[in-house]
Amino acid sequence: MSKTVSPLTKFYRWKYSGLIVVSGIVVIILAGWFYYTSTLEFFDTWSCEGLIDYVMTDKDLGVPKHNELTEKQHLHLHEILQPCMDDFTPQNIHS
């Protein structure tokens, strides 16, 4: 009498199954990470000091100037900037 073994059990016991599963998970994670980073604006990862410096000065940072942003980018910038401005006081500039 032969024992019926499911294809999933055969795959689980196959010596390369771990390599296939782990590499598949890594590909999915990398694809998600690249999609996420492609949706960010150039200023999304900047610190509060960098954002304030970007908005308040006319330095050439190699990115579009504050007044050259699209309306959507401009609103998004100020959503990010608002908590920074709430904490902005002359005492904590250099701390």
C-alpha atoms as a PDB file:
ATOM      1  CA  MET A   1       0.000   0.000   0.000  1.00  0.00           C
ATOM      2  CA  SER A   2       1.505   3.327  -1.078  1.00  0.00           C
ATOM      3  CA  LYS A   3       1.300   6.384   1.067  1.00  0.00           C
ATOM      4  CA  THR A   4       0.034   9.567  -0.596  1.00  0.00           C
ATOM      5  CA  VAL A   5       2.235  12.578   0.126  1.00  0.00           C
ATOM      6  CA  SER A   6       0.997  16.070  -0.605  1.00  0.00           C
ATOM      7  CA  PRO A   7       3.060  18.322  -2.902  1.00  0.00           C
ATOM      8  CA  LEU A   8       3.412  20.814  -0.033  1.00  0.00           C
ATOM      9  CA  THR A   9       5.056  18.180   2.146  1.00  0.00           C
ATOM     10  CA  LYS A  10       7.410  17.244  -0.697  1.00  0.00           C
ATOM     11  CA  PHE A  11       8.363  20.894  -1.138  1.00  0.00           C
ATOM     12  CA  TYR A  12       8.893  21.330   2.619  1.00  0.00           C
ATOM     13  CA  ARG A  13      11.330  18.420   2.712  1.00  0.00           C
ATOM     14  CA  TRP A  14      13.190  19.422  -0.451  1.00  0.00           C
ATOM     15  CA  LYS A  15      16.664  20.755   0.410  1.00  0.00           C
ATOM     16  CA  TYR A  16      16.357  23.961  -1.680  1.00  0.00           C
ATOM     17  CA  SER A  17      12.908  24.970  -0.440  1.00  0.00           C
ATOM     18  CA  GLY A  18      14.331  27.345   2.189  1.00  0.00           C
ATOM     19  CA  LEU A  19      16.451  29.104  -0.388  1.00  0.00           C
ATOM     20  CA  ILE A  20      13.442  29.632  -2.649  1.00  0.00           C
ATOM     21  CA  VAL A  21      11.167  30.858   0.152  1.00  0.00           C
ATOM     22  CA  VAL A  22      13.720  33.200   1.731  1.00  0.00           C
ATOM     23  CA  SER A  23      14.780  34.697  -1.595  1.00  0.00           C
ATOM     24  CA  GLY A  24      11.107  35.216  -2.500  1.00  0.00           C
ATOM     25  CA  ILE A  25      10.489  37.051   0.759  1.00  0.00           C
ATOM     26  CA  VAL A  26      13.586  39.206   0.224  1.00  0.00           C
ATOM     27  CA  VAL A  27      12.383  40.134  -3.271  1.00  0.00           C
ATOM     28  CA  ILE A  28       8.954  41.112  -1.917  1.00  0.00           C
ATOM     29  CA  ILE A  29      10.504  43.233   0.865  1.00  0.00           C
ATOM     30  CA  LEU A  30      12.880  44.975  -1.557  1.00  0.00           C
ATOM     31  CA  ALA A  31      10.081  45.680  -4.028  1.00  0.00           C
ATOM     32  CA  GLY A  32       7.996  47.202  -1.217  1.00  0.00           C
ATOM     33  CA  TRP A  33      10.931  49.300   0.002  1.00  0.00           C
ATOM     34  CA  PHE A  34      11.729  50.633  -3.481  1.00  0.00           C
ATOM     35  CA  TYR A  35       8.062  51.476  -4.059  1.00  0.00           C
ATOM     36  CA  TYR A  36       7.866  53.293  -0.708  1.00  0.00           C
ATOM     37  CA  THR A  37      11.025  55.330  -1.327  1.00  0.00           C
ATOM     38  CA  SER A  38       9.901  56.222  -4.847  1.00  0.00           C
ATOM     39  CA  THR A  39       6.749  57.858  -3.429  1.00  0.00           C
ATOM     40  CA  LEU A  40       8.694  60.163  -1.071  1.00  0.00           C
ATOM     41  CA  GLU A  41       9.466  63.788  -1.845  1.00  0.00           C
ATOM     42  CA  PHE A  42      13.098  64.908  -1.667  1.00  0.00           C
ATOM     43  CA  PHE A  43      12.467  66.711   1.652  1.00  0.00           C
ATOM     44  CA  ASP A  44      10.601  63.892   3.452  1.00  0.00           C
ATOM     45  CA  THR A  45      13.727  62.579   5.168  1.00  0.00           C
ATOM     46  CA  TRP A  46      15.193  65.953   6.142  1.00  0.00           C
ATOM     47  CA  SER A  47      15.519  67.053   9.776  1.00  0.00           C
ATOM     48  CA  CYS A  48      13.689  70.059  11.208  1.00  0.00           C
ATOM     49  CA  GLU A  49      16.843  72.154  10.918  1.00  0.00           C
ATOM     50  CA  GLY A  50      17.219  71.222   7.254  1.00  0.00           C
ATOM     51  CA  LEU A  51      13.581  72.014   6.510  1.00  0.00           C
ATOM     52  CA  ILE A  52      13.735  75.386   8.247  1.00  0.00           C
ATOM     53  CA  ASP A  53      16.983  76.209   6.454  1.00  0.00           C
ATOM     54  CA  TYR A  54      15.409  75.193   3.114  1.00  0.00           C
ATOM     55  CA  VAL A  55      12.340  77.393   3.619  1.00  0.00           C
ATOM     56  CA  MET A  56      14.038  80.419   5.194  1.00  0.00           C
ATOM     57  CA  THR A  57      17.096  80.805   2.933  1.00  0.00           C
ATOM     58  CA  ASP A  58      17.818  80.985  -0.778  1.00  0.00           C
ATOM     59  CA  LYS A  59      20.807  78.633  -0.706  1.00  0.00           C
ATOM     60  CA  ASP A  60      21.303  76.468  -3.775  1.00  0.00           C
ATOM     61  CA  LEU A  61      20.856  72.943  -2.417  1.00  0.00           C
ATOM     62  CA  GLY A  62      20.622  71.214  -5.775  1.00  0.00           C
ATOM     63  CA  VAL A  63      16.844  70.818  -5.433  1.00  0.00           C
ATOM     64  CA  PRO A  64      13.949  73.032  -6.562  1.00  0.00           C
ATOM     65  CA  LYS A  65      13.602  76.269  -4.598  1.00  0.00           C
ATOM     66  CA  HIS A  66      10.786  76.598  -2.070  1.00  0.00           C
ATOM     67  CA  ASN A  67       8.783  78.890  -4.348  1.00  0.00           C
ATOM     68  CA  GLU A  68       9.214  76.520  -7.344  1.00  0.00           C
ATOM     69  CA  LEU A  69       7.406  73.571  -5.732  1.00  0.00           C
ATOM     70  CA  THR A  70       4.056  72.389  -7.023  1.00  0.00           C
ATOM     71  CA  GLU A  71       1.047  73.165  -4.875  1.00  0.00           C
ATOM     72  CA  LYS A  72       0.852  69.539  -3.723  1.00  0.00           C
ATOM     73  CA  GLN A  73       4.558  69.490  -2.770  1.00  0.00           C
ATOM     74  CA  HIS A  74       4.245  72.861  -1.047  1.00  0.00           C
ATOM     75  CA  LEU A  75       1.307  71.736   1.094  1.00  0.00           C
ATOM     76  CA  HIS A  76       3.098  68.499   1.959  1.00  0.00           C
ATOM     77  CA  LEU A  77       6.225  70.448   2.945  1.00  0.00           C
ATOM     78  CA  HIS A  78       4.242  72.665   5.296  1.00  0.00           C
ATOM     79  CA  GLU A  79       2.484  69.648   6.840  1.00  0.00           C
ATOM     80  CA  ILE A  80       5.916  68.288   7.720  1.00  0.00           C
ATOM     81  CA  LEU A  81       7.256  71.700   8.725  1.00  0.00           C
ATOM     82  CA  GLN A  82       4.417  72.646  11.100  1.00  0.00           C
ATOM     83  CA  PRO A  83       5.530  70.443  14.051  1.00  0.00           C
ATOM     84  CA  CYS A  84       9.062  71.797  13.600  1.00  0.00           C
ATOM     85  CA  MET A  85       7.818  75.384  13.756  1.00  0.00           C
ATOM     86  CA  ASP A  86       5.779  74.612  16.880  1.00  0.00           C
ATOM     87  CA  ASP A  87       9.048  73.629  18.600  1.00  0.00           C
ATOM     88  CA  PHE A  88      11.005  76.538  17.104  1.00  0.00           C
ATOM     89  CA  THR A  89      12.137  78.997  19.741  1.00  0.00           C
ATOM     90  CA  PRO A  90      15.347  81.037  19.888  1.00  0.00           C
ATOM     91  CA  GLN A  91      16.537  78.981  22.873  1.00  0.00           C
ATOM     92  CA  ASN A  92      16.480  75.610  21.099  1.00  0.00           C
ATOM     93  CA  ILE A  93      18.166  76.677  17.858  1.00  0.00           C
ATOM     94  CA  HIS A  94      21.624  75.715  19.090  1.00  0.00           C
ATOM     95  CA  SER A  95      20.720  72.839  21.391  1.00  0.00           C
END
